Amino acid sequence: MKWSTLKKQHKLILGLLFDLLGYVSFVFPPFDFLWAPLSGYLMTKLYEGKKGKIAGIFVFIEEALPFVDVVPTFTIMWLYTYWYASTKTSAE
């Protein structure tokens, strides 16, 4: 299964699930040691290309730093990809 070819609704559901998994570290802080690199990898698989790599690095750093886990990075990336970028393209 190629993650980057999923429908946008499926990517949104997965992104929300992955963002919720990031909150596990508030209850169990060592979870970040596993989740930070895994979330970066998953981001690069969901969104290919340069923007996926940049978002993967960003989500890795965000999940690795303490007390910054509240940012819903996967959802923000989905909004950027399917809402912001599409409105920017249609306006040109």
PDB file of N, CA and C in Angstrom:
ATOM      1  N   MET A   1       0.831  -1.182   0.000  1.00  0.00           N
ATOM      2  CA  MET A   1       0.000   0.000   0.000  1.00  0.00           C
ATOM      3  C   MET A   1       0.875   1.244   0.000  1.00  0.00           C
ATOM      4  N   LYS A   2       0.598   2.131  -0.911  1.00  0.00           N
ATOM      5  CA  LYS A   2       1.357   3.376  -0.997  1.00  0.00           C
ATOM      6  C   LYS A   2       0.581   4.474  -0.271  1.00  0.00           C
ATOM      7  N   TRP A   3       1.148   4.968   0.816  1.00  0.00           N
ATOM      8  CA  TRP A   3       0.456   5.922   1.679  1.00  0.00           C
ATOM      9  C   TRP A   3       0.141   7.234   0.973  1.00  0.00           C
ATOM     10  N   SER A   4       1.006   7.665   0.082  1.00  0.00           N
ATOM     11  CA  SER A   4       0.816   8.964  -0.555  1.00  0.00           C
ATOM     12  C   SER A   4      -0.352   8.965  -1.538  1.00  0.00           C
ATOM     13  N   THR A   5      -0.840   7.792  -1.942  1.00  0.00           N
ATOM     14  CA  THR A   5      -1.945   7.727  -2.897  1.00  0.00           C
ATOM     15  C   THR A   5      -3.304   7.562  -2.214  1.00  0.00           C
ATOM     16  N   LEU A   6      -3.346   7.626  -0.898  1.00  0.00           N
ATOM     17  CA  LEU A   6      -4.611   7.533  -0.180  1.00  0.00           C
ATOM     18  C   LEU A   6      -5.499   8.727  -0.510  1.00  0.00           C
ATOM     19  N   LYS A   7      -6.812   8.535  -0.400  1.00  0.00           N
ATOM     20  CA  LYS A   7      -7.740   9.643  -0.598  1.00  0.00           C
ATOM     21  C   LYS A   7      -7.536  10.666   0.512  1.00  0.00           C
ATOM     22  N   LYS A   8      -7.899  11.904   0.208  1.00  0.00           N
ATOM     23  CA  LYS A   8      -7.649  12.965   1.186  1.00  0.00           C
ATOM     24  C   LYS A   8      -8.432  12.757   2.482  1.00  0.00           C
ATOM     25  N   GLN A   9      -9.609  12.135   2.414  1.00  0.00           N
ATOM     26  CA  GLN A   9     -10.376  11.873   3.635  1.00  0.00           C
ATOM     27  C   GLN A   9      -9.656  10.854   4.515  1.00  0.00           C
ATOM     28  N   HIS A  10      -9.054   9.858   3.891  1.00  0.00           N
ATOM     29  CA  HIS A  10      -8.306   8.852   4.646  1.00  0.00           C
ATOM     30  C   HIS A  10      -7.061   9.467   5.290  1.00  0.00           C
ATOM     31  N   LYS A  11      -6.418  10.366   4.559  1.00  0.00           N
ATOM     32  CA  LYS A  11      -5.247  11.047   5.126  1.00  0.00           C
ATOM     33  C   LYS A  11      -5.644  11.913   6.318  1.00  0.00           C
ATOM     34  N   LEU A  12      -6.817  12.540   6.247  1.00  0.00           N
ATOM     35  CA  LEU A  12      -7.277  13.353   7.368  1.00  0.00           C
ATOM     36  C   LEU A  12      -7.542  12.482   8.588  1.00  0.00           C
ATOM     37  N   ILE A  13      -8.200  11.350   8.395  1.00  0.00           N
ATOM     38  CA  ILE A  13      -8.485  10.447   9.510  1.00  0.00           C
ATOM     39  C   ILE A  13      -7.185   9.924  10.122  1.00  0.00           C
ATOM     40  N   LEU A  14      -6.250   9.509   9.270  1.00  0.00           N
ATOM     41  CA  LEU A  14      -4.956   9.043   9.780  1.00  0.00           C
ATOM     42  C   LEU A  14      -4.212  10.170  10.499  1.00  0.00           C
ATOM     43  N   GLY A  15      -4.254  11.361   9.941  1.00  0.00           N
ATOM     44  CA  GLY A  15      -3.588  12.499  10.573  1.00  0.00           C
ATOM     45  C   GLY A  15      -4.159  12.812  11.946  1.00  0.00           C
ATOM     46  N   LEU A  16      -5.489  12.764  12.063  1.00  0.00           N
ATOM     47  CA  LEU A  16      -6.108  12.986  13.373  1.00  0.00           C
ATOM     48  C   LEU A  16      -5.711  11.897  14.356  1.00  0.00           C
ATOM     49  N   LEU A  17      -5.665  10.660  13.878  1.00  0.00           N
ATOM     50  CA  LEU A  17      -5.249   9.547  14.733  1.00  0.00           C
ATOM     51  C   LEU A  17      -3.793   9.716  15.176  1.00  0.00           C
ATOM     52  N   PHE A  18      -2.925  10.093  14.242  1.00  0.00           N
ATOM     53  CA  PHE A  18      -1.510  10.285  14.576  1.00  0.00           C
ATOM     54  C   PHE A  18      -1.331  11.456  15.546  1.00  0.00           C
ATOM     55  N   ASP A  19      -2.112  12.521  15.368  1.00  0.00           N
ATOM     56  CA  ASP A  19      -2.040  13.638  16.319  1.00  0.00           C
ATOM     57  C   ASP A  19      -2.494  13.199  17.704  1.00  0.00           C
ATOM     58  N   LEU A  20      -3.517  12.369  17.772  1.00  0.00           N
ATOM     59  CA  LEU A  20      -3.968  11.846  19.068  1.00  0.00           C
ATOM     60  C   LEU A  20      -2.901  10.965  19.707  1.00  0.00           C
ATOM     61  N   LEU A  21      -2.202  10.183  18.899  1.00  0.00           N
ATOM     62  CA  LEU A  21      -1.118   9.356  19.438  1.00  0.00           C
ATOM     63  C   LEU A  21      -0.013  10.212  20.044  1.00  0.00           C
ATOM     64  N   GLY A  22       0.190  11.390  19.499  1.00  0.00           N
ATOM     65  CA  GLY A  22       1.195  12.296  20.052  1.00  0.00           C
ATOM     66  C   GLY A  22       0.875  12.746  21.465  1.00  0.00           C
ATOM     67  N   TYR A  23      -0.416  12.737  21.820  1.00  0.00           N
ATOM     68  CA  TYR A  23      -0.821  13.145  23.172  1.00  0.00           C
ATOM     69  C   TYR A  23      -0.558  12.061  24.215  1.00  0.00           C
ATOM     70  N   VAL A  24      -0.240  10.864  23.798  1.00  0.00           N
ATOM     71  CA  VAL A  24       0.056   9.779  24.738  1.00  0.00           C
ATOM     72  C   VAL A  24       1.245  10.154  25.618  1.00  0.00           C
ATOM     73  N   SER A  25       2.148  10.947  25.088  1.00  0.00           N
ATOM     74  CA  SER A  25       3.352  11.303  25.850  1.00  0.00           C
ATOM     75  C   SER A  25       3.053  12.172  27.070  1.00  0.00           C
ATOM     76  N   PHE A  26       1.875  12.786  27.123  1.00  0.00           N
ATOM     77  CA  PHE A  26       1.518  13.529  28.330  1.00  0.00           C
ATOM     78  C   PHE A  26       1.247  12.584  29.490  1.00  0.00           C
ATOM     79  N   VAL A  27       0.775  11.390  29.180  1.00  0.00           N
ATOM     80  CA  VAL A  27       0.496  10.385  30.205  1.00  0.00           C
ATOM     81  C   VAL A  27       1.724   9.502  30.432  1.00  0.00           C
ATOM     82  N   PHE A  28       2.413   9.186  29.344  1.00  0.00           N
ATOM     83  CA  PHE A  28       3.570   8.284  29.383  1.00  0.00           C
ATOM     84  C   PHE A  28       4.725   8.924  28.606  1.00  0.00           C
ATOM     85  N   PRO A  29       5.508   9.816  29.243  1.00  0.00           N
ATOM     86  CA  PRO A  29       6.552  10.583  28.545  1.00  0.00           C
ATOM     87  C   PRO A  29       7.570   9.763  27.747  1.00  0.00           C
ATOM     88  N   PRO A  30       7.981   8.565  28.165  1.00  0.00           N
ATOM     89  CA  PRO A  30       8.945   7.825  27.347  1.00  0.00           C
ATOM     90  C   PRO A  30       8.424   7.433  25.958  1.00  0.00           C
ATOM     91  N   PHE A  31       7.121   7.540  25.750  1.00  0.00           N
ATOM     92  CA  PHE A  31       6.539   7.228  24.442  1.00  0.00           C
ATOM     93  C   PHE A  31       7.144   8.091  23.339  1.00  0.00           C
ATOM     94  N   ASP A  32       7.601   9.294  23.690  1.00  0.00           N
ATOM     95  CA  ASP A  32       8.203  10.190  22.691  1.00  0.00           C
ATOM     96  C   ASP A  32       9.454   9.602  22.046  1.00  0.00           C
ATOM     97  N   PHE A  33      10.189   8.775  22.769  1.00  0.00           N
ATOM     98  CA  PHE A  33      11.395   8.162  22.189  1.00  0.00           C
ATOM     99  C   PHE A  33      11.052   7.276  21.006  1.00  0.00           C
ATOM    100  N   LEU A  34       9.900   6.677  21.034  1.00  0.00           N
ATOM    101  CA  LEU A  34       9.431   5.838  19.930  1.00  0.00           C
ATOM    102  C   LEU A  34       8.651   6.667  18.915  1.00  0.00           C
ATOM    103  N   TRP A  35       7.796   7.566  19.395  1.00  0.00           N
ATOM    104  CA  TRP A  35       6.869   8.264  18.522  1.00  0.00           C
ATOM    105  C   TRP A  35       7.529   9.354  17.673  1.00  0.00           C
ATOM    106  N   ALA A  36       8.521  10.053  18.188  1.00  0.00           N
ATOM    107  CA  ALA A  36       9.142  11.144  17.429  1.00  0.00           C
ATOM    108  C   ALA A  36       9.716  10.670  16.087  1.00  0.00           C
ATOM    109  N   PRO A  37      10.581   9.652  16.053  1.00  0.00           N
ATOM    110  CA  PRO A  37      11.081   9.216  14.742  1.00  0.00           C
ATOM    111  C   PRO A  37      10.005   8.555  13.886  1.00  0.00           C
ATOM    112  N   LEU A  38       9.091   7.828  14.526  1.00  0.00           N
ATOM    113  CA  LEU A  38       8.026   7.176  13.763  1.00  0.00           C
ATOM    114  C   LEU A  38       7.092   8.202  13.124  1.00  0.00           C
ATOM    115  N   SER A  39       6.782   9.267  13.843  1.00  0.00           N
ATOM    116  CA  SER A  39       5.907  10.295  13.278  1.00  0.00           C
ATOM    117  C   SER A  39       6.575  11.011  12.099  1.00  0.00           C
ATOM    118  N   GLY A  40       7.877  11.250  12.203  1.00  0.00           N
ATOM    119  CA  GLY A  40       8.594  11.847  11.075  1.00  0.00           C
ATOM    120  C   GLY A  40       8.563  10.951   9.850  1.00  0.00           C
ATOM    121  N   TYR A  41       8.750   9.660  10.066  1.00  0.00           N
ATOM    122  CA  TYR A  41       8.695   8.695   8.961  1.00  0.00           C
ATOM    123  C   TYR A  41       7.298   8.650   8.338  1.00  0.00           C
ATOM    124  N   LEU A  42       6.274   8.606   9.184  1.00  0.00           N
ATOM    125  CA  LEU A  42       4.900   8.539   8.675  1.00  0.00           C
ATOM    126  C   LEU A  42       4.532   9.793   7.891  1.00  0.00           C
ATOM    127  N   MET A  43       5.014  10.937   8.334  1.00  0.00           N
ATOM    128  CA  MET A  43       4.728  12.183   7.615  1.00  0.00           C
ATOM    129  C   MET A  43       5.335  12.154   6.216  1.00  0.00           C
ATOM    130  N   THR A  44       6.561  11.646   6.105  1.00  0.00           N
ATOM    131  CA  THR A  44       7.187  11.586   4.781  1.00  0.00           C
ATOM    132  C   THR A  44       6.503  10.568   3.869  1.00  0.00           C
ATOM    133  N   LYS A  45       5.866   9.571   4.447  1.00  0.00           N
ATOM    134  CA  LYS A  45       5.136   8.584   3.634  1.00  0.00           C
ATOM    135  C   LYS A  45       3.767   9.106   3.211  1.00  0.00           C
ATOM    136  N   LEU A  46       3.115   9.881   4.063  1.00  0.00           N
ATOM    137  CA  LEU A  46       1.802  10.429   3.718  1.00  0.00           C
ATOM    138  C   LEU A  46       1.903  11.530   2.663  1.00  0.00           C
ATOM    139  N   TYR A  47       2.944  12.344   2.756  1.00  0.00           N
ATOM    140  CA  TYR A  47       3.101  13.482   1.846  1.00  0.00           C
ATOM    141  C   TYR A  47       4.487  13.405   1.216  1.00  0.00           C
ATOM    142  N   GLU A  48       4.526  13.005  -0.031  1.00  0.00           N
ATOM    143  CA  GLU A  48       5.811  12.842  -0.713  1.00  0.00           C
ATOM    144  C   GLU A  48       6.390  14.185  -1.144  1.00  0.00           C
ATOM    145  N   GLY A  49       7.623  14.142  -1.515  1.00  0.00           N
ATOM    146  CA  GLY A  49       8.287  15.321  -2.045  1.00  0.00           C
ATOM    147  C   GLY A  49       8.911  16.183  -0.971  1.00  0.00           C
ATOM    148  N   LYS A  50       9.264  17.396  -1.397  1.00  0.00           N
ATOM    149  CA  LYS A  50       9.964  18.328  -0.519  1.00  0.00           C
ATOM    150  C   LYS A  50       9.116  18.719   0.690  1.00  0.00           C
ATOM    151  N   LYS A  51       7.824  18.976   0.468  1.00  0.00           N
ATOM    152  CA  LYS A  51       6.986  19.405   1.591  1.00  0.00           C
ATOM    153  C   LYS A  51       6.806  18.281   2.613  1.00  0.00           C
ATOM    154  N   GLY A  52       6.786  17.040   2.171  1.00  0.00           N
ATOM    155  CA  GLY A  52       6.693  15.912   3.095  1.00  0.00           C
ATOM    156  C   GLY A  52       7.949  15.749   3.924  1.00  0.00           C
ATOM    157  N   LYS A  53       9.099  15.974   3.298  1.00  0.00           N
ATOM    158  CA  LYS A  53      10.367  15.872   4.029  1.00  0.00           C
ATOM    159  C   LYS A  53      10.505  16.990   5.056  1.00  0.00           C
ATOM    160  N   ILE A  54      10.126  18.203   4.657  1.00  0.00           N
ATOM    161  CA  ILE A  54      10.193  19.327   5.590  1.00  0.00           C
ATOM    162  C   ILE A  54       9.231  19.101   6.756  1.00  0.00           C
ATOM    163  N   ALA A  55       8.015  18.659   6.450  1.00  0.00           N
ATOM    164  CA  ALA A  55       7.033  18.390   7.511  1.00  0.00           C
ATOM    165  C   ALA A  55       7.495  17.234   8.391  1.00  0.00           C
ATOM    166  N   GLY A  56       8.169  16.240   7.814  1.00  0.00           N
ATOM    167  CA  GLY A  56       8.691  15.125   8.594  1.00  0.00           C
ATOM    168  C   GLY A  56       9.732  15.568   9.600  1.00  0.00           C
ATOM    169  N   ILE A  57      10.613  16.456   9.178  1.00  0.00           N
ATOM    170  CA  ILE A  57      11.626  16.998  10.098  1.00  0.00           C
ATOM    171  C   ILE A  57      10.951  17.831  11.177  1.00  0.00           C
ATOM    172  N   PHE A  58       9.987  18.646  10.767  1.00  0.00           N
ATOM    173  CA  PHE A  58       9.286  19.498  11.722  1.00  0.00           C
ATOM    174  C   PHE A  58       8.539  18.675  12.770  1.00  0.00           C
ATOM    175  N   VAL A  59       7.822  17.627  12.331  1.00  0.00           N
ATOM    176  CA  VAL A  59       7.058  16.812  13.281  1.00  0.00           C
ATOM    177  C   VAL A  59       7.999  16.030  14.196  1.00  0.00           C
ATOM    178  N   PHE A  60       9.135  15.606  13.681  1.00  0.00           N
ATOM    179  CA  PHE A  60      10.116  14.920  14.536  1.00  0.00           C
ATOM    180  C   PHE A  60      10.586  15.837  15.659  1.00  0.00           C
ATOM    181  N   ILE A  61      10.964  17.062  15.302  1.00  0.00           N
ATOM    182  CA  ILE A  61      11.443  18.021  16.303  1.00  0.00           C
ATOM    183  C   ILE A  61      10.328  18.365  17.285  1.00  0.00           C
ATOM    184  N   GLU A  62       9.125  18.576  16.761  1.00  0.00           N
ATOM    185  CA  GLU A  62       7.989  18.945  17.608  1.00  0.00           C
ATOM    186  C   GLU A  62       7.656  17.839  18.607  1.00  0.00           C
ATOM    187  N   GLU A  63       7.707  16.597  18.172  1.00  0.00           N
ATOM    188  CA  GLU A  63       7.398  15.478  19.066  1.00  0.00           C
ATOM    189  C   GLU A  63       8.553  15.178  20.028  1.00  0.00           C
ATOM    190  N   ALA A  64       9.775  15.482  19.640  1.00  0.00           N
ATOM    191  CA  ALA A  64      10.929  15.200  20.496  1.00  0.00           C
ATOM    192  C   ALA A  64      11.080  16.225  21.627  1.00  0.00           C
ATOM    193  N   LEU A  65      10.651  17.454  21.367  1.00  0.00           N
ATOM    194  CA  LEU A  65      10.760  18.490  22.395  1.00  0.00           C
ATOM    195  C   LEU A  65       9.648  18.330  23.428  1.00  0.00           C
ATOM    196  N   PRO A  66       9.984  18.509  24.690  1.00  0.00           N
ATOM    197  CA  PRO A  66       8.942  18.398  25.720  1.00  0.00           C
ATOM    198  C   PRO A  66       7.982  19.590  25.689  1.00  0.00           C
ATOM    199  N   PHE A  67       6.731  19.338  25.984  1.00  0.00           N
ATOM    200  CA  PHE A  67       5.672  20.343  26.126  1.00  0.00           C
ATOM    201  C   PHE A  67       5.288  21.046  24.822  1.00  0.00           C
ATOM    202  N   VAL A  68       5.715  20.545  23.687  1.00  0.00           N
ATOM    203  CA  VAL A  68       5.336  21.134  22.405  1.00  0.00           C
ATOM    204  C   VAL A  68       4.407  20.177  21.648  1.00  0.00           C
ATOM    205  N   ASP A  69       4.075  19.074  22.263  1.00  0.00           N
ATOM    206  CA  ASP A  69       3.274  18.040  21.616  1.00  0.00           C
ATOM    207  C   ASP A  69       1.831  18.446  21.345  1.00  0.00           C
ATOM    208  N   VAL A  70       1.415  19.592  21.804  1.00  0.00           N
ATOM    209  CA  VAL A  70       0.020  19.996  21.626  1.00  0.00           C
ATOM    210  C   VAL A  70      -0.277  20.461  20.202  1.00  0.00           C
ATOM    211  N   VAL A  71       0.742  20.722  19.413  1.00  0.00           N
ATOM    212  CA  VAL A  71       0.549  21.185  18.039  1.00  0.00           C
ATOM    213  C   VAL A  71       0.097  20.003  17.181  1.00  0.00           C
ATOM    214  N   PRO A  72      -1.070  20.109  16.530  1.00  0.00           N
ATOM    215  CA  PRO A  72      -1.560  19.009  15.683  1.00  0.00           C
ATOM    216  C   PRO A  72      -0.908  19.056  14.294  1.00  0.00           C
ATOM    217  N   THR A  73       0.320  18.651  14.206  1.00  0.00           N
ATOM    218  CA  THR A  73       1.124  18.807  12.998  1.00  0.00           C
ATOM    219  C   THR A  73       0.553  18.075  11.793  1.00  0.00           C
ATOM    220  N   PHE A  74       0.074  16.858  11.972  1.00  0.00           N
ATOM    221  CA  PHE A  74      -0.479  16.104  10.847  1.00  0.00           C
ATOM    222  C   PHE A  74      -1.723  16.792  10.285  1.00  0.00           C
ATOM    223  N   THR A  75      -2.559  17.317  11.169  1.00  0.00           N
ATOM    224  CA  THR A  75      -3.769  18.012  10.723  1.00  0.00           C
ATOM    225  C   THR A  75      -3.410  19.318  10.031  1.00  0.00           C
ATOM    226  N   ILE A  76      -2.435  20.021  10.542  1.00  0.00           N
ATOM    227  CA  ILE A  76      -1.988  21.262   9.911  1.00  0.00           C
ATOM    228  C   ILE A  76      -1.438  20.973   8.519  1.00  0.00           C
ATOM    229  N   MET A  77      -0.685  19.900   8.382  1.00  0.00           N
ATOM    230  CA  MET A  77      -0.146  19.536   7.062  1.00  0.00           C
ATOM    231  C   MET A  77      -1.273  19.186   6.100  1.00  0.00           C
ATOM    232  N   TRP A  78      -2.298  18.497   6.581  1.00  0.00           N
ATOM    233  CA  TRP A  78      -3.444  18.169   5.728  1.00  0.00           C
ATOM    234  C   TRP A  78      -4.141  19.450   5.277  1.00  0.00           C
ATOM    235  N   LEU A  79      -4.352  20.373   6.203  1.00  0.00           N
ATOM    236  CA  LEU A  79      -4.983  21.646   5.851  1.00  0.00           C
ATOM    237  C   LEU A  79      -4.146  22.416   4.839  1.00  0.00           C
ATOM    238  N   TYR A  80      -2.842  22.418   5.035  1.00  0.00           N
ATOM    239  CA  TYR A  80      -1.963  23.099   4.088  1.00  0.00           C
ATOM    240  C   TYR A  80      -2.044  22.456   2.705  1.00  0.00           C
ATOM    241  N   THR A  81      -2.020  21.139   2.661  1.00  0.00           N
ATOM    242  CA  THR A  81      -1.997  20.436   1.388  1.00  0.00           C
ATOM    243  C   THR A  81      -3.317  20.540   0.632  1.00  0.00           C
ATOM    244  N   TYR A  82      -4.419  20.337   1.328  1.00  0.00           N
ATOM    245  CA  TYR A  82      -5.704  20.225   0.642  1.00  0.00           C
ATOM    246  C   TYR A  82      -6.588  21.461   0.731  1.00  0.00           C
ATOM    247  N   TRP A  83      -6.267  22.400   1.572  1.00  0.00           N
ATOM    248  CA  TRP A  83      -7.094  23.591   1.669  1.00  0.00           C
ATOM    249  C   TRP A  83      -6.315  24.838   1.259  1.00  0.00           C
ATOM    250  N   TYR A  84      -5.225  25.120   1.948  1.00  0.00           N
ATOM    251  CA  TYR A  84      -4.464  26.330   1.671  1.00  0.00           C
ATOM    252  C   TYR A  84      -3.820  26.299   0.290  1.00  0.00           C
ATOM    253  N   ALA A  85      -3.130  25.216  -0.027  1.00  0.00           N
ATOM    254  CA  ALA A  85      -2.437  25.136  -1.319  1.00  0.00           C
ATOM    255  C   ALA A  85      -3.430  25.128  -2.478  1.00  0.00           C
ATOM    256  N   SER A  86      -4.598  24.516  -2.290  1.00  0.00           N
ATOM    257  CA  SER A  86      -5.580  24.473  -3.389  1.00  0.00           C
ATOM    258  C   SER A  86      -6.238  25.845  -3.583  1.00  0.00           C
ATOM    259  N   THR A  87      -6.491  26.594  -2.506  1.00  0.00           N
ATOM    260  CA  THR A  87      -7.057  27.924  -2.662  1.00  0.00           C
ATOM    261  C   THR A  87      -6.032  28.898  -3.241  1.00  0.00           C
ATOM    262  N   LYS A  88      -4.795  28.699  -2.901  1.00  0.00           N
ATOM    263  CA  LYS A  88      -3.728  29.550  -3.447  1.00  0.00           C
ATOM    264  C   LYS A  88      -3.579  29.310  -4.953  1.00  0.00           C
ATOM    265  N   THR A  89      -3.673  28.046  -5.375  1.00  0.00           N
ATOM    266  CA  THR A  89      -3.548  27.697  -6.797  1.00  0.00           C
ATOM    267  C   THR A  89      -4.746  28.206  -7.586  1.00  0.00           C
ATOM    268  N   SER A  90      -5.943  28.096  -7.040  1.00  0.00           N
ATOM    269  CA  SER A  90      -7.137  28.536  -7.760  1.00  0.00           C
ATOM    270  C   SER A  90      -7.226  30.056  -7.859  1.00  0.00           C
ATOM    271  N   ALA A  91      -6.580  30.765  -6.950  1.00  0.00           N
ATOM    272  CA  ALA A  91      -6.605  32.232  -6.979  1.00  0.00           C
ATOM    273  C   ALA A  91      -5.674  32.794  -8.060  1.00  0.00           C
ATOM    274  N   GLU A  92      -4.714  32.008  -8.479  1.00  0.00           N
ATOM    275  CA  GLU A  92      -3.740  32.508  -9.480  1.00  0.00           C
ATOM    276  C   GLU A  92      -4.265  32.421 -10.876  1.00  0.00           C
TER     277      GLU A  92
END
